[in-house]
Amino acid sequence: MVARMQRVTEDSDLCQAVLNEIRQKPELTEADVSVAADQGVLTLTGVVQSDTARIAVEAVAKRVRGVKAIVNDLEVKPSRARSGTEVARDVLKGLRSH
């Protein structure tokens, strides 16, 4: 029982350490990330605004002492999705300029 409680505490501390590191990165301020840990294996979930942010969150997590492996389940959703009309207009504009 004591070993299990200690592991839960260690996993909880690990999650908090990862979240603290993510919050210190200005480029990740828009990231909405949750971290779960089980014996040093992290699962990252939530939403980020780009593939670059997704990779950056994982890289930050890898640097935290005690992380053994990472499952990156972060979803990429740009902060402002462009409408089909906006995309079509930009494509036509690009074609006309060439």
N, C-alpha and C. Protein backbone atom coordinates (compact mmCIF):
# COMPACT_ATOMS: atom_id res chain seq x y z
N MET A 1 0.82 -1.19 0.00
CA MET A 1 0.00 0.00 0.00
C MET A 1 0.86 1.26 0.00
N VAL A 2 1.93 1.26 0.78
CA VAL A 2 2.80 2.43 0.85
C VAL A 2 3.46 2.67 -0.50
N ALA A 3 3.92 1.60 -1.16
CA ALA A 3 4.57 1.76 -2.46
C ALA A 3 3.61 2.36 -3.48
N ARG A 4 2.36 1.92 -3.47
CA ARG A 4 1.37 2.46 -4.41
C ARG A 4 1.12 3.94 -4.11
N MET A 5 0.97 4.30 -2.86
CA MET A 5 0.75 5.70 -2.49
C MET A 5 1.95 6.55 -2.90
N GLN A 6 3.14 6.02 -2.72
CA GLN A 6 4.34 6.76 -3.10
C GLN A 6 4.37 6.97 -4.61
N ARG A 7 4.01 5.93 -5.39
CA ARG A 7 4.00 6.05 -6.84
C ARG A 7 2.99 7.09 -7.29
N VAL A 8 1.81 7.10 -6.68
CA VAL A 8 0.79 8.08 -7.02
C VAL A 8 1.31 9.48 -6.76
N THR A 9 1.97 9.68 -5.62
CA THR A 9 2.55 10.97 -5.29
C THR A 9 3.62 11.35 -6.31
N GLU A 10 4.48 10.40 -6.65
CA GLU A 10 5.53 10.67 -7.63
C GLU A 10 4.93 11.03 -8.98
N ASP A 11 3.89 10.28 -9.41
CA ASP A 11 3.24 10.59 -10.68
C ASP A 11 2.59 11.96 -10.63
N SER A 12 1.97 12.29 -9.52
CA SER A 12 1.34 13.60 -9.36
C SER A 12 2.38 14.71 -9.42
N ASP A 13 3.50 14.51 -8.75
CA ASP A 13 4.59 15.48 -8.78
C ASP A 13 5.15 15.63 -10.20
N LEU A 14 5.25 14.52 -10.90
CA LEU A 14 5.75 14.54 -12.27
C LEU A 14 4.82 15.35 -13.18
N CYS A 15 3.52 15.11 -13.04
CA CYS A 15 2.54 15.87 -13.83
C CYS A 15 2.67 17.37 -13.55
N GLN A 16 2.77 17.71 -12.30
CA GLN A 16 2.88 19.12 -11.93
C GLN A 16 4.17 19.74 -12.47
N ALA A 17 5.26 19.00 -12.42
CA ALA A 17 6.54 19.50 -12.94
C ALA A 17 6.44 19.77 -14.44
N VAL A 18 5.80 18.87 -15.16
CA VAL A 18 5.64 19.04 -16.61
C VAL A 18 4.78 20.27 -16.90
N LEU A 19 3.66 20.39 -16.20
CA LEU A 19 2.78 21.55 -16.41
C LEU A 19 3.51 22.86 -16.08
N ASN A 20 4.32 22.87 -15.04
CA ASN A 20 5.09 24.07 -14.69
C ASN A 20 6.05 24.44 -15.80
N GLU A 21 6.71 23.45 -16.38
CA GLU A 21 7.65 23.72 -17.48
C GLU A 21 6.92 24.26 -18.71
N ILE A 22 5.76 23.70 -19.02
CA ILE A 22 4.98 24.17 -20.17
C ILE A 22 4.57 25.62 -19.97
N ARG A 23 4.13 25.96 -18.77
CA ARG A 23 3.66 27.32 -18.48
C ARG A 23 4.78 28.36 -18.57
N GLN A 24 6.02 27.93 -18.42
CA GLN A 24 7.15 28.86 -18.48
C GLN A 24 7.54 29.21 -19.91
N LYS A 25 6.99 28.52 -20.89
CA LYS A 25 7.33 28.77 -22.29
C LYS A 25 6.33 29.74 -22.89
N PRO A 26 6.77 30.96 -23.24
CA PRO A 26 5.84 31.96 -23.78
C PRO A 26 5.13 31.49 -25.04
N GLU A 27 5.78 30.69 -25.86
CA GLU A 27 5.17 30.23 -27.11
C GLU A 27 4.05 29.21 -26.88
N LEU A 28 3.92 28.75 -25.64
CA LEU A 28 2.89 27.75 -25.33
C LEU A 28 1.78 28.29 -24.43
N THR A 29 1.68 29.62 -24.34
CA THR A 29 0.69 30.21 -23.44
C THR A 29 -0.74 29.88 -23.87
N GLU A 30 -0.97 29.64 -25.14
CA GLU A 30 -2.31 29.33 -25.62
C GLU A 30 -2.64 27.85 -25.53
N ALA A 31 -1.67 27.03 -25.17
CA ALA A 31 -1.88 25.58 -25.10
C ALA A 31 -2.77 25.23 -23.91
N ASP A 32 -3.72 24.36 -24.15
CA ASP A 32 -4.60 23.86 -23.09
C ASP A 32 -4.27 22.39 -22.91
N VAL A 33 -3.31 22.11 -22.04
CA VAL A 33 -2.73 20.77 -21.92
C VAL A 33 -3.04 20.16 -20.56
N SER A 34 -3.39 18.89 -20.58
CA SER A 34 -3.53 18.11 -19.36
C SER A 34 -2.48 17.00 -19.41
N VAL A 35 -1.98 16.64 -18.25
CA VAL A 35 -0.94 15.62 -18.16
C VAL A 35 -1.38 14.55 -17.17
N ALA A 36 -1.30 13.31 -17.61
CA ALA A 36 -1.53 12.18 -16.71
C ALA A 36 -0.27 11.33 -16.71
N ALA A 37 0.03 10.70 -15.59
CA ALA A 37 1.23 9.88 -15.50
C ALA A 37 0.91 8.55 -14.82
N ASP A 38 1.58 7.53 -15.29
CA ASP A 38 1.47 6.21 -14.67
C ASP A 38 2.86 5.58 -14.70
N GLN A 39 3.51 5.56 -13.58
CA GLN A 39 4.86 5.00 -13.44
C GLN A 39 5.85 5.67 -14.40
N GLY A 40 5.73 6.97 -14.55
CA GLY A 40 6.66 7.73 -15.38
C GLY A 40 6.28 7.83 -16.84
N VAL A 41 5.19 7.17 -17.25
CA VAL A 41 4.71 7.25 -18.63
C VAL A 41 3.64 8.34 -18.67
N LEU A 42 3.92 9.40 -19.43
CA LEU A 42 3.01 10.54 -19.50
C LEU A 42 2.04 10.39 -20.66
N THR A 43 0.84 10.87 -20.45
CA THR A 43 -0.13 11.03 -21.53
C THR A 43 -0.49 12.51 -21.58
N LEU A 44 -0.21 13.12 -22.73
CA LEU A 44 -0.52 14.53 -22.94
C LEU A 44 -1.82 14.62 -23.71
N THR A 45 -2.80 15.34 -23.17
CA THR A 45 -4.06 15.54 -23.86
C THR A 45 -4.40 17.02 -23.83
N GLY A 46 -5.31 17.42 -24.69
CA GLY A 46 -5.74 18.80 -24.75
C GLY A 46 -5.63 19.35 -26.15
N VAL A 47 -5.59 20.66 -26.23
CA VAL A 47 -5.62 21.34 -27.52
C VAL A 47 -4.47 22.34 -27.61
N VAL A 48 -3.80 22.32 -28.76
CA VAL A 48 -2.77 23.30 -29.07
C VAL A 48 -3.12 23.93 -30.42
N GLN A 49 -2.48 25.04 -30.75
CA GLN A 49 -2.86 25.78 -31.96
C GLN A 49 -2.09 25.41 -33.21
N SER A 50 -1.03 24.59 -33.07
CA SER A 50 -0.25 24.24 -34.26
C SER A 50 0.54 22.96 -34.01
N ASP A 51 1.00 22.38 -35.11
CA ASP A 51 1.87 21.20 -34.99
C ASP A 51 3.16 21.56 -34.27
N THR A 52 3.63 22.78 -34.50
CA THR A 52 4.85 23.24 -33.83
C THR A 52 4.65 23.24 -32.31
N ALA A 53 3.50 23.72 -31.86
CA ALA A 53 3.21 23.74 -30.42
C ALA A 53 3.07 22.31 -29.89
N ARG A 54 2.49 21.44 -30.67
CA ARG A 54 2.33 20.04 -30.26
C ARG A 54 3.69 19.40 -30.02
N ILE A 55 4.60 19.63 -30.93
CA ILE A 55 5.96 19.08 -30.82
C ILE A 55 6.70 19.75 -29.65
N ALA A 56 6.49 21.05 -29.48
CA ALA A 56 7.17 21.78 -28.41
C ALA A 56 6.73 21.29 -27.03
N VAL A 57 5.44 21.03 -26.86
CA VAL A 57 4.95 20.53 -25.57
C VAL A 57 5.60 19.19 -25.27
N GLU A 58 5.66 18.32 -26.26
CA GLU A 58 6.29 17.02 -26.04
C GLU A 58 7.77 17.17 -25.70
N ALA A 59 8.46 18.07 -26.38
CA ALA A 59 9.89 18.28 -26.12
C ALA A 59 10.11 18.79 -24.70
N VAL A 60 9.26 19.70 -24.25
CA VAL A 60 9.36 20.21 -22.88
C VAL A 60 9.15 19.06 -21.88
N ALA A 61 8.15 18.25 -22.13
CA ALA A 61 7.85 17.13 -21.23
C ALA A 61 9.00 16.14 -21.16
N LYS A 62 9.65 15.89 -22.28
CA LYS A 62 10.77 14.93 -22.32
C LYS A 62 11.93 15.38 -21.45
N ARG A 63 12.09 16.68 -21.27
CA ARG A 63 13.21 17.19 -20.49
C ARG A 63 13.02 17.10 -18.99
N VAL A 64 11.81 16.79 -18.55
CA VAL A 64 11.54 16.72 -17.11
C VAL A 64 12.06 15.40 -16.56
N ARG A 65 12.81 15.50 -15.50
CA ARG A 65 13.41 14.32 -14.88
C ARG A 65 12.32 13.37 -14.38
N GLY A 66 12.47 12.10 -14.70
CA GLY A 66 11.51 11.09 -14.27
C GLY A 66 10.57 10.63 -15.36
N VAL A 67 10.54 11.35 -16.49
CA VAL A 67 9.68 10.96 -17.61
C VAL A 67 10.35 9.80 -18.34
N LYS A 68 9.63 8.70 -18.46
CA LYS A 68 10.16 7.51 -19.12
C LYS A 68 9.67 7.38 -20.55
N ALA A 69 8.44 7.77 -20.80
CA ALA A 69 7.85 7.70 -22.14
C ALA A 69 6.70 8.69 -22.21
N ILE A 70 6.32 9.03 -23.45
CA ILE A 70 5.25 10.00 -23.65
C ILE A 70 4.28 9.51 -24.71
N VAL A 71 3.01 9.62 -24.40
CA VAL A 71 1.94 9.40 -25.37
C VAL A 71 1.38 10.79 -25.66
N ASN A 72 1.55 11.24 -26.90
CA ASN A 72 1.13 12.59 -27.26
C ASN A 72 -0.22 12.52 -27.97
N ASP A 73 -1.28 12.77 -27.22
CA ASP A 73 -2.63 12.78 -27.76
C ASP A 73 -3.17 14.21 -27.89
N LEU A 74 -2.27 15.17 -28.06
CA LEU A 74 -2.70 16.56 -28.21
C LEU A 74 -3.38 16.76 -29.56
N GLU A 75 -4.43 17.53 -29.54
CA GLU A 75 -5.18 17.84 -30.76
C GLU A 75 -4.80 19.24 -31.23
N VAL A 76 -4.62 19.38 -32.54
CA VAL A 76 -4.25 20.68 -33.12
C VAL A 76 -5.51 21.35 -33.66
N LYS A 77 -5.81 22.51 -33.09
CA LYS A 77 -6.93 23.33 -33.57
C LYS A 77 -6.46 24.77 -33.63
N PRO A 78 -6.31 25.32 -34.84
CA PRO A 78 -5.92 26.72 -34.95
C PRO A 78 -6.91 27.61 -34.21
N SER A 79 -6.42 28.72 -33.68
CA SER A 79 -7.27 29.61 -32.89
C SER A 79 -8.39 30.21 -33.74
N ARG A 80 -8.13 30.40 -34.99
CA ARG A 80 -9.15 30.95 -35.87
C ARG A 80 -9.18 30.14 -37.14
N ALA A 81 -10.18 29.32 -37.29
CA ALA A 81 -10.31 28.52 -38.50
C ALA A 81 -10.78 29.41 -39.64
N ARG A 82 -10.21 29.21 -40.81
CA ARG A 82 -10.60 29.99 -41.98
C ARG A 82 -11.79 29.32 -42.66
N SER A 83 -12.69 30.12 -43.16
CA SER A 83 -13.85 29.57 -43.86
C SER A 83 -13.44 29.10 -45.25
N GLY A 84 -14.28 28.28 -45.84
CA GLY A 84 -14.03 27.82 -47.21
C GLY A 84 -13.96 28.98 -48.19
N THR A 85 -14.77 29.98 -47.97
CA THR A 85 -14.78 31.17 -48.83
C THR A 85 -13.44 31.90 -48.76
N GLU A 86 -12.90 32.04 -47.55
CA GLU A 86 -11.60 32.71 -47.39
C GLU A 86 -10.49 31.93 -48.08
N VAL A 87 -10.51 30.62 -47.94
CA VAL A 87 -9.50 29.79 -48.59
C VAL A 87 -9.61 29.91 -50.10
N ALA A 88 -10.83 29.81 -50.65
CA ALA A 88 -11.04 29.92 -52.10
C ALA A 88 -10.58 31.28 -52.62
N ARG A 89 -10.90 32.34 -51.89
CA ARG A 89 -10.49 33.68 -52.30
C ARG A 89 -8.97 33.79 -52.36
N ASP A 90 -8.28 33.23 -51.35
CA ASP A 90 -6.82 33.29 -51.34
C ASP A 90 -6.21 32.45 -52.45
N VAL A 91 -6.83 31.34 -52.78
CA VAL A 91 -6.33 30.50 -53.89
C VAL A 91 -6.48 31.25 -55.20
N LEU A 92 -7.63 31.82 -55.43
CA LEU A 92 -7.85 32.59 -56.67
C LEU A 92 -6.88 33.77 -56.76
N LYS A 93 -6.68 34.45 -55.67
CA LYS A 93 -5.74 35.57 -55.64
C LYS A 93 -4.34 35.10 -56.00
N GLY A 94 -3.93 33.97 -55.44
CA GLY A 94 -2.62 33.42 -55.76
C GLY A 94 -2.48 33.01 -57.22
N LEU A 95 -3.53 32.42 -57.76
CA LEU A 95 -3.50 32.00 -59.17
C LEU A 95 -3.44 33.20 -60.11
N ARG A 96 -4.17 34.24 -59.77
CA ARG A 96 -4.16 35.45 -60.60
C ARG A 96 -2.81 36.15 -60.61
N SER A 97 -2.10 36.07 -59.49
CA SER A 97 -0.81 36.75 -59.41
C SER A 97 0.28 36.02 -60.18
N HIS A 98 0.02 34.78 -60.55
CA HIS A 98 1.00 34.03 -61.34
C HIS A 98 0.57 33.97 -62.75
